[in-house]
Full PDB file with SEQRES, HELIX, SHEET, SSBOND, CRYST1, ORIGX, SCALE, CONECT and MASTER records, all heavy atoms in Angstrom:
SEQRES   1 A   37  ILE LEU GLN PHE ILE GLU GLN ARG PHE CYS GLU GLU ASN          
SEQRES   2 A   37  ILE GLU ILE PRO PHE PRO GLN ARG ASP LEU HIS LEU LYS          
SEQRES   3 A   37  LEU LYS ASP ALA GLN ILE LEU LYS ARG LEU ALA                  
HELIX    1 AA1 LEU A    2  GLU A   11  1                                  10    
HELIX    2 AA2 LEU A   27  LEU A   36  1                                  10    
CRYST1    1.000    1.000    1.000  90.00  90.00  90.00 P 1           1          
ORIGX1      1.000000  0.000000  0.000000        0.00000                         
ORIGX2      0.000000  1.000000  0.000000        0.00000                         
ORIGX3      0.000000  0.000000  1.000000        0.00000                         
SCALE1      1.000000  0.000000  0.000000        0.00000                         
SCALE2      0.000000  1.000000  0.000000        0.00000                         
SCALE3      0.000000  0.000000  1.000000        0.00000                         
ATOM      1  N   ILE A   1       5.442 -19.501 -17.921  1.00  0.00           N  
ATOM      2  CA  ILE A   1       4.329 -19.750 -16.997  1.00  0.00           C  
ATOM      3  C   ILE A   1       3.946 -18.460 -16.269  1.00  0.00           C  
ATOM      4  O   ILE A   1       2.758 -18.157 -16.084  1.00  0.00           O  
ATOM      5  CB  ILE A   1       4.704 -20.864 -16.001  1.00  0.00           C  
ATOM      6  CG1 ILE A   1       4.880 -22.191 -16.753  1.00  0.00           C  
ATOM      7  CG2 ILE A   1       3.638 -21.011 -14.924  1.00  0.00           C  
ATOM      8  CD1 ILE A   1       5.341 -23.332 -15.871  1.00  0.00           C  
ATOM      9  N   LEU A   2       4.928 -17.686 -15.850  1.00  0.00           N  
ATOM     10  CA  LEU A   2       4.639 -16.426 -15.174  1.00  0.00           C  
ATOM     11  C   LEU A   2       3.882 -15.455 -16.085  1.00  0.00           C  
ATOM     12  O   LEU A   2       2.962 -14.754 -15.641  1.00  0.00           O  
ATOM     13  CB  LEU A   2       5.945 -15.783 -14.692  1.00  0.00           C  
ATOM     14  CG  LEU A   2       6.593 -16.423 -13.462  1.00  0.00           C  
ATOM     15  CD1 LEU A   2       7.968 -15.820 -13.206  1.00  0.00           C  
ATOM     16  CD2 LEU A   2       5.709 -16.273 -12.237  1.00  0.00           C  
ATOM     17  N   GLN A   3       4.251 -15.425 -17.347  1.00  0.00           N  
ATOM     18  CA  GLN A   3       3.534 -14.559 -18.285  1.00  0.00           C  
ATOM     19  C   GLN A   3       2.081 -14.992 -18.430  1.00  0.00           C  
ATOM     20  O   GLN A   3       1.167 -14.149 -18.468  1.00  0.00           O  
ATOM     21  CB  GLN A   3       4.224 -14.581 -19.652  1.00  0.00           C  
ATOM     22  CG  GLN A   3       5.607 -13.955 -19.665  1.00  0.00           C  
ATOM     23  CD  GLN A   3       6.250 -14.043 -21.035  1.00  0.00           C  
ATOM     24  OE1 GLN A   3       5.655 -13.694 -22.044  1.00  0.00           O  
ATOM     25  NE2 GLN A   3       7.480 -14.532 -21.063  1.00  0.00           N  
ATOM     26  N   PHE A   4       1.842 -16.280 -18.494  1.00  0.00           N  
ATOM     27  CA  PHE A   4       0.469 -16.781 -18.614  1.00  0.00           C  
ATOM     28  C   PHE A   4      -0.339 -16.454 -17.360  1.00  0.00           C  
ATOM     29  O   PHE A   4      -1.511 -16.048 -17.445  1.00  0.00           O  
ATOM     30  CB  PHE A   4       0.498 -18.290 -18.858  1.00  0.00           C  
ATOM     31  CG  PHE A   4      -0.852 -18.883 -19.135  1.00  0.00           C  
ATOM     32  CD1 PHE A   4      -1.341 -18.971 -20.430  1.00  0.00           C  
ATOM     33  CD2 PHE A   4      -1.654 -19.348 -18.097  1.00  0.00           C  
ATOM     34  CE1 PHE A   4      -2.587 -19.515 -20.691  1.00  0.00           C  
ATOM     35  CE2 PHE A   4      -2.902 -19.892 -18.342  1.00  0.00           C  
ATOM     36  CZ  PHE A   4      -3.375 -19.973 -19.646  1.00  0.00           C  
ATOM     37  N   ILE A   5       0.291 -16.618 -16.187  1.00  0.00           N  
ATOM     38  CA  ILE A   5      -0.407 -16.306 -14.928  1.00  0.00           C  
ATOM     39  C   ILE A   5      -0.776 -14.827 -14.874  1.00  0.00           C  
ATOM     40  O   ILE A   5      -1.915 -14.469 -14.501  1.00  0.00           O  
ATOM     41  CB  ILE A   5       0.471 -16.698 -13.731  1.00  0.00           C  
ATOM     42  CG1 ILE A   5       0.625 -18.226 -13.649  1.00  0.00           C  
ATOM     43  CG2 ILE A   5      -0.117 -16.172 -12.432  1.00  0.00           C  
ATOM     44  CD1 ILE A   5       1.586 -18.697 -12.593  1.00  0.00           C  
ATOM     45  N   GLU A   6       0.140 -13.960 -15.247  1.00  0.00           N  
ATOM     46  CA  GLU A   6      -0.136 -12.522 -15.215  1.00  0.00           C  
ATOM     47  C   GLU A   6      -1.271 -12.161 -16.164  1.00  0.00           C  
ATOM     48  O   GLU A   6      -2.151 -11.355 -15.827  1.00  0.00           O  
ATOM     49  CB  GLU A   6       1.141 -11.759 -15.589  1.00  0.00           C  
ATOM     50  CG  GLU A   6       1.115 -10.279 -15.270  1.00  0.00           C  
ATOM     51  CD  GLU A   6       0.447  -9.457 -16.364  1.00  0.00           C  
ATOM     52  OE1 GLU A   6       0.428  -9.946 -17.526  1.00  0.00           O  
ATOM     53  OE2 GLU A   6      -0.045  -8.353 -16.080  1.00  0.00           O  
ATOM     54  N   GLN A   7      -1.295 -12.788 -17.323  1.00  0.00           N  
ATOM     55  CA  GLN A   7      -2.364 -12.505 -18.292  1.00  0.00           C  
ATOM     56  C   GLN A   7      -3.724 -12.966 -17.766  1.00  0.00           C  
ATOM     57  O   GLN A   7      -4.716 -12.237 -17.843  1.00  0.00           O  
ATOM     58  CB  GLN A   7      -2.038 -13.190 -19.624  1.00  0.00           C  
ATOM     59  CG  GLN A   7      -3.114 -13.002 -20.690  1.00  0.00           C  
ATOM     60  CD  GLN A   7      -2.783 -13.751 -21.961  1.00  0.00           C  
ATOM     61  OE1 GLN A   7      -1.694 -14.314 -22.108  1.00  0.00           O  
ATOM     62  NE2 GLN A   7      -3.720 -13.775 -22.885  1.00  0.00           N  
ATOM     63  N   ARG A   8      -3.790 -14.153 -17.207  1.00  0.00           N  
ATOM     64  CA  ARG A   8      -5.058 -14.690 -16.721  1.00  0.00           C  
ATOM     65  C   ARG A   8      -5.536 -13.930 -15.480  1.00  0.00           C  
ATOM     66  O   ARG A   8      -6.743 -13.705 -15.308  1.00  0.00           O  
ATOM     67  CB  ARG A   8      -4.905 -16.174 -16.401  1.00  0.00           C  
ATOM     68  CG  ARG A   8      -4.674 -17.036 -17.612  1.00  0.00           C  
ATOM     69  CD  ARG A   8      -5.894 -17.097 -18.529  1.00  0.00           C  
ATOM     70  NE  ARG A   8      -6.993 -17.812 -17.896  1.00  0.00           N  
ATOM     71  CZ  ARG A   8      -8.230 -17.348 -17.752  1.00  0.00           C  
ATOM     72  NH1 ARG A   8      -8.531 -16.114 -18.173  1.00  0.00           N  
ATOM     73  NH2 ARG A   8      -9.173 -18.067 -17.184  1.00  0.00           N  
ATOM     74  N   PHE A   9      -4.624 -13.494 -14.625  1.00  0.00           N  
ATOM     75  CA  PHE A   9      -5.031 -12.704 -13.462  1.00  0.00           C  
ATOM     76  C   PHE A   9      -5.651 -11.375 -13.896  1.00  0.00           C  
ATOM     77  O   PHE A   9      -6.631 -10.906 -13.295  1.00  0.00           O  
ATOM     78  CB  PHE A   9      -3.827 -12.450 -12.553  1.00  0.00           C  
ATOM     79  CG  PHE A   9      -3.516 -13.598 -11.631  1.00  0.00           C  
ATOM     80  CD1 PHE A   9      -4.123 -14.833 -11.796  1.00  0.00           C  
ATOM     81  CD2 PHE A   9      -2.612 -13.446 -10.591  1.00  0.00           C  
ATOM     82  CE1 PHE A   9      -3.838 -15.891 -10.945  1.00  0.00           C  
ATOM     83  CE2 PHE A   9      -2.323 -14.495  -9.731  1.00  0.00           C  
ATOM     84  CZ  PHE A   9      -2.935 -15.726  -9.917  1.00  0.00           C  
ATOM     85  N   CYS A  10      -5.075 -10.747 -14.913  1.00  0.00           N  
ATOM     86  CA  CYS A  10      -5.647  -9.495 -15.425  1.00  0.00           C  
ATOM     87  C   CYS A  10      -7.036  -9.724 -15.997  1.00  0.00           C  
ATOM     88  O   CYS A  10      -7.959  -8.909 -15.800  1.00  0.00           O  
ATOM     89  CB  CYS A  10      -4.726  -8.895 -16.483  1.00  0.00           C  
ATOM     90  SG  CYS A  10      -3.177  -8.244 -15.835  1.00  0.00           S  
ATOM     91  N   GLU A  11      -7.219 -10.834 -16.717  1.00  0.00           N  
ATOM     92  CA  GLU A  11      -8.527 -11.126 -17.307  1.00  0.00           C  
ATOM     93  C   GLU A  11      -9.577 -11.412 -16.239  1.00  0.00           C  
ATOM     94  O   GLU A  11     -10.756 -11.073 -16.411  1.00  0.00           O  
ATOM     95  CB  GLU A  11      -8.412 -12.326 -18.265  1.00  0.00           C  
ATOM     96  CG  GLU A  11      -7.560 -12.053 -19.500  1.00  0.00           C  
ATOM     97  CD  GLU A  11      -7.336 -13.292 -20.339  1.00  0.00           C  
ATOM     98  OE1 GLU A  11      -7.793 -14.384 -19.895  1.00  0.00           O  
ATOM     99  OE2 GLU A  11      -6.710 -13.207 -21.414  1.00  0.00           O  
ATOM    100  N   GLU A  12      -9.179 -12.013 -15.121  1.00  0.00           N  
ATOM    101  CA  GLU A  12     -10.118 -12.373 -14.061  1.00  0.00           C  
ATOM    102  C   GLU A  12     -10.152 -11.331 -12.936  1.00  0.00           C  
ATOM    103  O   GLU A  12     -10.790 -11.576 -11.906  1.00  0.00           O  
ATOM    104  CB  GLU A  12      -9.731 -13.745 -13.477  1.00  0.00           C  
ATOM    105  CG  GLU A  12      -9.789 -14.889 -14.487  1.00  0.00           C  
ATOM    106  CD  GLU A  12     -11.206 -15.165 -14.983  1.00  0.00           C  
ATOM    107  OE1 GLU A  12     -12.164 -14.839 -14.242  1.00  0.00           O  
ATOM    108  OE2 GLU A  12     -11.339 -15.721 -16.093  1.00  0.00           O  
ATOM    109  N   ASN A  13      -9.467 -10.196 -13.139  1.00  0.00           N  
ATOM    110  CA  ASN A  13      -9.450  -9.103 -12.151  1.00  0.00           C  
ATOM    111  C   ASN A  13      -8.947  -9.560 -10.780  1.00  0.00           C  
ATOM    112  O   ASN A  13      -9.484  -9.185  -9.740  1.00  0.00           O  
ATOM    113  CB  ASN A  13     -10.847  -8.479 -12.009  1.00  0.00           C  
ATOM    114  CG  ASN A  13     -11.307  -7.800 -13.287  1.00  0.00           C  
ATOM    115  OD1 ASN A  13     -10.505  -7.168 -13.978  1.00  0.00           O  
ATOM    116  ND2 ASN A  13     -12.587  -7.937 -13.608  1.00  0.00           N  
ATOM    117  N   ILE A  14      -7.937 -10.385 -10.804  1.00  0.00           N  
ATOM    118  CA  ILE A  14      -7.285 -10.809  -9.561  1.00  0.00           C  
ATOM    119  C   ILE A  14      -6.057  -9.936  -9.366  1.00  0.00           C  
ATOM    120  O   ILE A  14      -5.168  -9.882 -10.219  1.00  0.00           O  
ATOM    121  CB  ILE A  14      -6.913 -12.296  -9.610  1.00  0.00           C  
ATOM    122  CG1 ILE A  14      -8.189 -13.149  -9.684  1.00  0.00           C  
ATOM    123  CG2 ILE A  14      -6.080 -12.686  -8.396  1.00  0.00           C  
ATOM    124  CD1 ILE A  14      -7.927 -14.630  -9.785  1.00  0.00           C  
ATOM    125  N   GLU A  15      -5.992  -9.272  -8.230  1.00  0.00           N  
ATOM    126  CA  GLU A  15      -4.959  -8.264  -8.001  1.00  0.00           C  
ATOM    127  C   GLU A  15      -3.737  -8.878  -7.335  1.00  0.00           C  
ATOM    128  O   GLU A  15      -3.848  -9.676  -6.408  1.00  0.00           O  
ATOM    129  CB  GLU A  15      -5.529  -7.151  -7.108  1.00  0.00           C  
ATOM    130  CG  GLU A  15      -4.528  -6.044  -6.805  1.00  0.00           C  
ATOM    131  CD  GLU A  15      -5.098  -5.008  -5.867  1.00  0.00           C  
ATOM    132  OE1 GLU A  15      -6.296  -5.117  -5.523  1.00  0.00           O  
ATOM    133  OE2 GLU A  15      -4.344  -4.103  -5.461  1.00  0.00           O  
ATOM    134  N   ILE A  16      -2.577  -8.488  -7.856  1.00  0.00           N  
ATOM    135  CA  ILE A  16      -1.302  -8.823  -7.211  1.00  0.00           C  
ATOM    136  C   ILE A  16      -0.901  -7.601  -6.406  1.00  0.00           C  
ATOM    137  O   ILE A  16      -0.579  -6.548  -6.974  1.00  0.00           O  
ATOM    138  CB  ILE A  16      -0.226  -9.174  -8.250  1.00  0.00           C  
ATOM    139  CG1 ILE A  16      -0.655 -10.416  -9.050  1.00  0.00           C  
ATOM    140  CG2 ILE A  16       1.119  -9.427  -7.573  1.00  0.00           C  
ATOM    141  CD1 ILE A  16       0.305 -10.810 -10.142  1.00  0.00           C  
ATOM    142  N   PRO A  17      -0.951  -7.637  -5.078  1.00  0.00           N  
ATOM    143  CA  PRO A  17      -0.850  -6.414  -4.263  1.00  0.00           C  
ATOM    144  C   PRO A  17       0.576  -5.908  -4.117  1.00  0.00           C  
ATOM    145  O   PRO A  17       1.549  -6.648  -4.298  1.00  0.00           O  
ATOM    146  CB  PRO A  17      -1.402  -6.866  -2.914  1.00  0.00           C  
ATOM    147  CG  PRO A  17      -1.007  -8.308  -2.850  1.00  0.00           C  
ATOM    148  CD  PRO A  17      -1.099  -8.844  -4.257  1.00  0.00           C  
ATOM    149  N   PHE A  18       0.662  -4.627  -3.769  1.00  0.00           N  
ATOM    150  CA  PHE A  18       1.919  -4.035  -3.335  1.00  0.00           C  
ATOM    151  C   PHE A  18       2.062  -4.259  -1.828  1.00  0.00           C  
ATOM    152  O   PHE A  18       1.076  -4.475  -1.119  1.00  0.00           O  
ATOM    153  CB  PHE A  18       1.929  -2.534  -3.632  1.00  0.00           C  
ATOM    154  CG  PHE A  18       1.891  -2.219  -5.104  1.00  0.00           C  
ATOM    155  CD1 PHE A  18       0.704  -1.851  -5.714  1.00  0.00           C  
ATOM    156  CD2 PHE A  18       3.040  -2.298  -5.862  1.00  0.00           C  
ATOM    157  CE1 PHE A  18       0.665  -1.556  -7.067  1.00  0.00           C  
ATOM    158  CE2 PHE A  18       3.016  -2.005  -7.216  1.00  0.00           C  
ATOM    159  CZ  PHE A  18       1.829  -1.633  -7.819  1.00  0.00           C  
ATOM    160  N   PRO A  19       3.268  -4.200  -1.301  1.00  0.00           N  
ATOM    161  CA  PRO A  19       3.431  -4.308   0.157  1.00  0.00           C  
ATOM    162  C   PRO A  19       2.679  -3.191   0.882  1.00  0.00           C  
ATOM    163  O   PRO A  19       2.696  -2.039   0.446  1.00  0.00           O  
ATOM    164  CB  PRO A  19       4.940  -4.177   0.354  1.00  0.00           C  
ATOM    165  CG  PRO A  19       5.527  -4.578  -0.951  1.00  0.00           C  
ATOM    166  CD  PRO A  19       4.561  -4.147  -2.005  1.00  0.00           C  
ATOM    167  N   GLN A  20       1.988  -3.531   1.963  1.00  0.00           N  
ATOM    168  CA  GLN A  20       1.207  -2.565   2.725  1.00  0.00           C  
ATOM    169  C   GLN A  20       1.763  -2.466   4.148  1.00  0.00           C  
ATOM    170  O   GLN A  20       2.101  -3.474   4.761  1.00  0.00           O  
ATOM    171  CB  GLN A  20      -0.264  -2.973   2.774  1.00  0.00           C  
ATOM    172  CG  GLN A  20      -0.923  -3.057   1.399  1.00  0.00           C  
ATOM    173  CD  GLN A  20      -2.351  -3.536   1.486  1.00  0.00           C  
ATOM    174  OE1 GLN A  20      -2.889  -3.658   2.585  1.00  0.00           O  
ATOM    175  NE2 GLN A  20      -2.965  -3.787   0.342  1.00  0.00           N  
ATOM    176  N   ARG A  21       1.840  -1.225   4.651  1.00  0.00           N  
ATOM    177  CA  ARG A  21       2.342  -0.999   5.997  1.00  0.00           C  
ATOM    178  C   ARG A  21       1.415  -0.025   6.724  1.00  0.00           C  
ATOM    179  O   ARG A  21       0.898   0.919   6.126  1.00  0.00           O  
ATOM    180  CB  ARG A  21       3.761  -0.401   5.964  1.00  0.00           C  
ATOM    181  CG  ARG A  21       4.806  -1.310   5.336  1.00  0.00           C  
ATOM    182  CD  ARG A  21       5.079  -2.524   6.213  1.00  0.00           C  
ATOM    183  NE  ARG A  21       6.139  -3.343   5.650  1.00  0.00           N  
ATOM    184  CZ  ARG A  21       5.941  -4.348   4.827  1.00  0.00           C  
ATOM    185  NH1 ARG A  21       4.694  -4.641   4.446  1.00  0.00           N  
ATOM    186  NH2 ARG A  21       6.953  -5.054   4.366  1.00  0.00           N  
ATOM    187  N   ASP A  22       1.174  -0.251   8.023  1.00  0.00           N  
ATOM    188  CA  ASP A  22       0.395   0.665   8.858  1.00  0.00           C  
ATOM    189  C   ASP A  22       1.349   1.624   9.567  1.00  0.00           C  
ATOM    190  O   ASP A  22       2.351   1.204  10.171  1.00  0.00           O  
ATOM    191  CB  ASP A  22      -0.415  -0.104   9.911  1.00  0.00           C  
ATOM    192  CG  ASP A  22      -1.509  -0.946   9.257  1.00  0.00           C  
ATOM    193  OD1 ASP A  22      -1.948  -0.552   8.162  1.00  0.00           O  
ATOM    194  OD2 ASP A  22      -1.893  -1.973   9.842  1.00  0.00           O  
ATOM    195  N   LEU A  23       1.042   2.949   9.519  1.00  0.00           N  
ATOM    196  CA  LEU A  23       1.888   3.970  10.108  1.00  0.00           C  
ATOM    197  C   LEU A  23       1.221   4.486  11.383  1.00  0.00           C  
ATOM    198  O   LEU A  23       0.078   4.966  11.351  1.00  0.00           O  
ATOM    199  CB  LEU A  23       2.092   5.124   9.121  1.00  0.00           C  
ATOM    200  CG  LEU A  23       2.979   6.274   9.604  1.00  0.00           C  
ATOM    201  CD1 LEU A  23       4.392   5.773   9.913  1.00  0.00           C  
ATOM    202  CD2 LEU A  23       3.021   7.390   8.559  1.00  0.00           C  
ATOM    203  N   HIS A  24       1.890   4.376  12.506  1.00  0.00           N  
ATOM    204  CA  HIS A  24       1.382   4.834  13.794  1.00  0.00           C  
ATOM    205  C   HIS A  24       2.200   6.037  14.251  1.00  0.00           C  
ATOM    206  O   HIS A  24       3.429   5.956  14.359  1.00  0.00           O  
ATOM    207  CB  HIS A  24       1.473   3.716  14.846  1.00  0.00           C  
ATOM    208  CG  HIS A  24       0.660   2.501  14.491  1.00  0.00           C  
ATOM    209  ND1 HIS A  24      -0.680   2.402  14.753  1.00  0.00           N  
ATOM    210  CD2 HIS A  24       1.021   1.341  13.864  1.00  0.00           C  
ATOM    211  CE1 HIS A  24      -1.131   1.241  14.330  1.00  0.00           C  
ATOM    212  NE2 HIS A  24      -0.107   0.573  13.786  1.00  0.00           N  
ATOM    213  N   LEU A  25       1.510   7.186  14.552  1.00  0.00           N  
ATOM    214  CA  LEU A  25       2.175   8.403  14.996  1.00  0.00           C  
ATOM    215  C   LEU A  25       1.937   8.619  16.490  1.00  0.00           C  
ATOM    216  O   LEU A  25       0.801   8.500  16.962  1.00  0.00           O  
ATOM    217  CB  LEU A  25       1.652   9.617  14.212  1.00  0.00           C  
ATOM    218  CG  LEU A  25       1.942   9.617  12.704  1.00  0.00           C  
ATOM    219  CD1 LEU A  25       1.294  10.835  12.063  1.00  0.00           C  
ATOM    220  CD2 LEU A  25       3.425   9.612  12.445  1.00  0.00           C  
ATOM    221  N   LYS A  26       2.964   8.919  17.212  1.00  0.00           N  
ATOM    222  CA  LYS A  26       2.804   9.268  18.619  1.00  0.00           C  
ATOM    223  C   LYS A  26       2.252  10.690  18.742  1.00  0.00           C  
ATOM    224  O   LYS A  26       2.272  11.476  17.796  1.00  0.00           O  
ATOM    225  CB  LYS A  26       4.144   9.158  19.337  1.00  0.00           C  
ATOM    226  CG  LYS A  26       4.687   7.739  19.396  1.00  0.00           C  
ATOM    227  CD  LYS A  26       5.994   7.687  20.161  1.00  0.00           C  
ATOM    228  CE  LYS A  26       6.515   6.263  20.242  1.00  0.00           C  
ATOM    229  NZ  LYS A  26       7.796   6.189  20.962  1.00  0.00           N  
ATOM    230  N   LEU A  27       1.786  11.056  19.961  1.00  0.00           N  
ATOM    231  CA  LEU A  27       1.152  12.358  20.166  1.00  0.00           C  
ATOM    232  C   LEU A  27       2.127  13.491  19.875  1.00  0.00           C  
ATOM    233  O   LEU A  27       1.787  14.472  19.215  1.00  0.00           O  
ATOM    234  CB  LEU A  27       0.637  12.461  21.603  1.00  0.00           C  
ATOM    235  CG  LEU A  27      -0.046  13.791  21.978  1.00  0.00           C  
ATOM    236  CD1 LEU A  27      -1.235  14.052  21.069  1.00  0.00           C  
ATOM    237  CD2 LEU A  27      -0.478  13.789  23.439  1.00  0.00           C  
ATOM    238  N   LYS A  28       3.352  13.400  20.356  1.00  0.00           N  
ATOM    239  CA  LYS A  28       4.319  14.461  20.137  1.00  0.00           C  
ATOM    240  C   LYS A  28       4.595  14.626  18.650  1.00  0.00           C  
ATOM    241  O   LYS A  28       4.721  15.738  18.135  1.00  0.00           O  
ATOM    242  CB  LYS A  28       5.613  14.160  20.891  1.00  0.00           C  
ATOM    243  CG  LYS A  28       5.462  14.221  22.409  1.00  0.00           C  
ATOM    244  CD  LYS A  28       6.787  13.964  23.089  1.00  0.00           C  
ATOM    245  CE  LYS A  28       6.645  14.045  24.606  1.00  0.00           C  
ATOM    246  NZ  LYS A  28       7.933  13.800  25.304  1.00  0.00           N  
ATOM    247  N   ASP A  29       4.709  13.491  17.947  1.00  0.00           N  
ATOM    248  CA  ASP A  29       4.940  13.575  16.505  1.00  0.00           C  
ATOM    249  C   ASP A  29       3.770  14.248  15.814  1.00  0.00           C  
ATOM    250  O   ASP A  29       3.943  15.039  14.882  1.00  0.00           O  
ATOM    251  CB  ASP A  29       5.163  12.170  15.924  1.00  0.00           C  
ATOM    252  CG  ASP A  29       6.413  11.523  16.498  1.00  0.00           C  
ATOM    253  OD1 ASP A  29       7.329  12.283  16.881  1.00  0.00           O  
ATOM    254  OD2 ASP A  29       6.465  10.283  16.561  1.00  0.00           O  
ATOM    255  N   ALA A  30       2.549  13.966  16.261  1.00  0.00           N  
ATOM    256  CA  ALA A  30       1.369  14.582  15.648  1.00  0.00           C  
ATOM    257  C   ALA A  30       1.360  16.084  15.891  1.00  0.00           C  
ATOM    258  O   ALA A  30       0.993  16.878  15.012  1.00  0.00           O  
ATOM    259  CB  ALA A  30       0.102  13.941  16.204  1.00  0.00           C  
ATOM    260  N   GLN A  31       1.758  16.522  17.100  1.00  0.00           N  
ATOM    261  CA  GLN A  31       1.800  17.948  17.388  1.00  0.00           C  
ATOM    262  C   GLN A  31       2.840  18.661  16.532  1.00  0.00           C  
ATOM    263  O   GLN A  31       2.617  19.776  16.048  1.00  0.00           O  
ATOM    264  CB  GLN A  31       2.096  18.157  18.873  1.00  0.00           C  
ATOM    265  CG  GLN A  31       0.969  17.710  19.806  1.00  0.00           C  
ATOM    266  CD  GLN A  31       1.369  17.810  21.269  1.00  0.00           C  
ATOM    267  OE1 GLN A  31       2.533  18.086  21.586  1.00  0.00           O  
ATOM    268  NE2 GLN A  31       0.393  17.602  22.145  1.00  0.00           N  
ATOM    269  N   ILE A  32       3.962  18.029  16.332  1.00  0.00           N  
ATOM    270  CA  ILE A  32       4.995  18.637  15.490  1.00  0.00           C  
ATOM    271  C   ILE A  32       4.493  18.791  14.064  1.00  0.00           C  
ATOM    272  O   ILE A  32       4.686  19.832  13.417  1.00  0.00           O  
ATOM    273  CB  ILE A  32       6.273  17.788  15.541  1.00  0.00           C  
ATOM    274  CG1 ILE A  32       6.886  17.830  16.938  1.00  0.00           C  
ATOM    275  CG2 ILE A  32       7.287  18.271  14.514  1.00  0.00           C  
ATOM    276  CD1 ILE A  32       8.070  16.909  17.127  1.00  0.00           C  
ATOM    277  N   LEU A  33       3.825  17.749  13.571  1.00  0.00           N  
ATOM    278  CA  LEU A  33       3.298  17.823  12.213  1.00  0.00           C  
ATOM    279  C   LEU A  33       2.239  18.916  12.090  1.00  0.00           C  
ATOM    280  O   LEU A  33       2.145  19.605  11.070  1.00  0.00           O  
ATOM    281  CB  LEU A  33       2.720  16.456  11.805  1.00  0.00           C  
ATOM    282  CG  LEU A  33       3.737  15.321  11.631  1.00  0.00           C  
ATOM    283  CD1 LEU A  33       3.012  13.996  11.323  1.00  0.00           C  
ATOM    284  CD2 LEU A  33       4.707  15.628  10.493  1.00  0.00           C  
ATOM    285  N   LYS A  34       1.396  19.099  13.171  1.00  0.00           N  
ATOM    286  CA  LYS A  34       0.368  20.137  13.131  1.00  0.00           C  
ATOM    287  C   LYS A  34       1.008  21.525  13.068  1.00  0.00           C  
ATOM    288  O   LYS A  34       0.570  22.402  12.334  1.00  0.00           O  
ATOM    289  CB  LYS A  34      -0.543  20.014  14.348  1.00  0.00           C  
ATOM    290  CG  LYS A  34      -1.735  20.974  14.356  1.00  0.00           C  
ATOM    291  CD  LYS A  34      -2.620  20.710  15.543  1.00  0.00           C  
ATOM    292  CE  LYS A  34      -3.848  21.619  15.496  1.00  0.00           C  
ATOM    293  NZ  LYS A  34      -3.475  23.041  15.446  1.00  0.00           N  
ATOM    294  N   ARG A  35       2.070  21.746  13.857  1.00  0.00           N  
ATOM    295  CA  ARG A  35       2.755  23.033  13.836  1.00  0.00           C  
ATOM    296  C   ARG A  35       3.353  23.309  12.454  1.00  0.00           C  
ATOM    297  O   ARG A  35       3.309  24.438  11.960  1.00  0.00           O  
ATOM    298  CB  ARG A  35       3.844  23.057  14.897  1.00  0.00           C  
ATOM    299  CG  ARG A  35       3.308  23.060  16.326  1.00  0.00           C  
ATOM    300  CD  ARG A  35       4.436  22.988  17.324  1.00  0.00           C  
ATOM    301  NE  ARG A  35       3.948  22.886  18.701  1.00  0.00           N  
ATOM    302  CZ  ARG A  35       4.747  22.730  19.758  1.00  0.00           C  
ATOM    303  NH1 ARG A  35       6.070  22.645  19.578  1.00  0.00           N  
ATOM    304  NH2 ARG A  35       4.227  22.656  20.965  1.00  0.00           N  
ATOM    305  N   LEU A  36       3.929  22.269  11.847  1.00  0.00           N  
ATOM    306  CA  LEU A  36       4.493  22.441  10.506  1.00  0.00           C  
ATOM    307  C   LEU A  36       3.412  22.787   9.507  1.00  0.00           C  
ATOM    308  O   LEU A  36       3.604  23.629   8.616  1.00  0.00           O  
ATOM    309  CB  LEU A  36       5.245  21.169  10.068  1.00  0.00           C  
ATOM    310  CG  LEU A  36       6.527  20.838  10.854  1.00  0.00           C  
ATOM    311  CD1 LEU A  36       7.090  19.492  10.378  1.00  0.00           C  
ATOM    312  CD2 LEU A  36       7.568  21.940  10.652  1.00  0.00           C  
ATOM    313  N   ALA A  37       2.242  22.120   9.643  1.00  0.00           N  
ATOM    314  CA  ALA A  37       1.132  22.421   8.729  1.00  0.00           C  
ATOM    315  C   ALA A  37       0.637  23.848   8.926  1.00  0.00           C  
ATOM    316  O   ALA A  37       0.332  24.563   7.962  1.00  0.00           O  
ATOM    317  CB  ALA A  37       0.005  21.425   8.940  1.00  0.00           C  
TER     318      ALA A  37                                                      
MASTER        0    0    0    2    0    0    0    6  317    1    0    3          
END                                                                             
């Protein structure tokens, strides 16, 4: 059943997503990264 679902999702362009995370940087961390750059 899983194989059939994967095949039909590909045919219908339905995406199975990867885990998504939002990254928040504090000001001090941003300054350190700027100096490194």
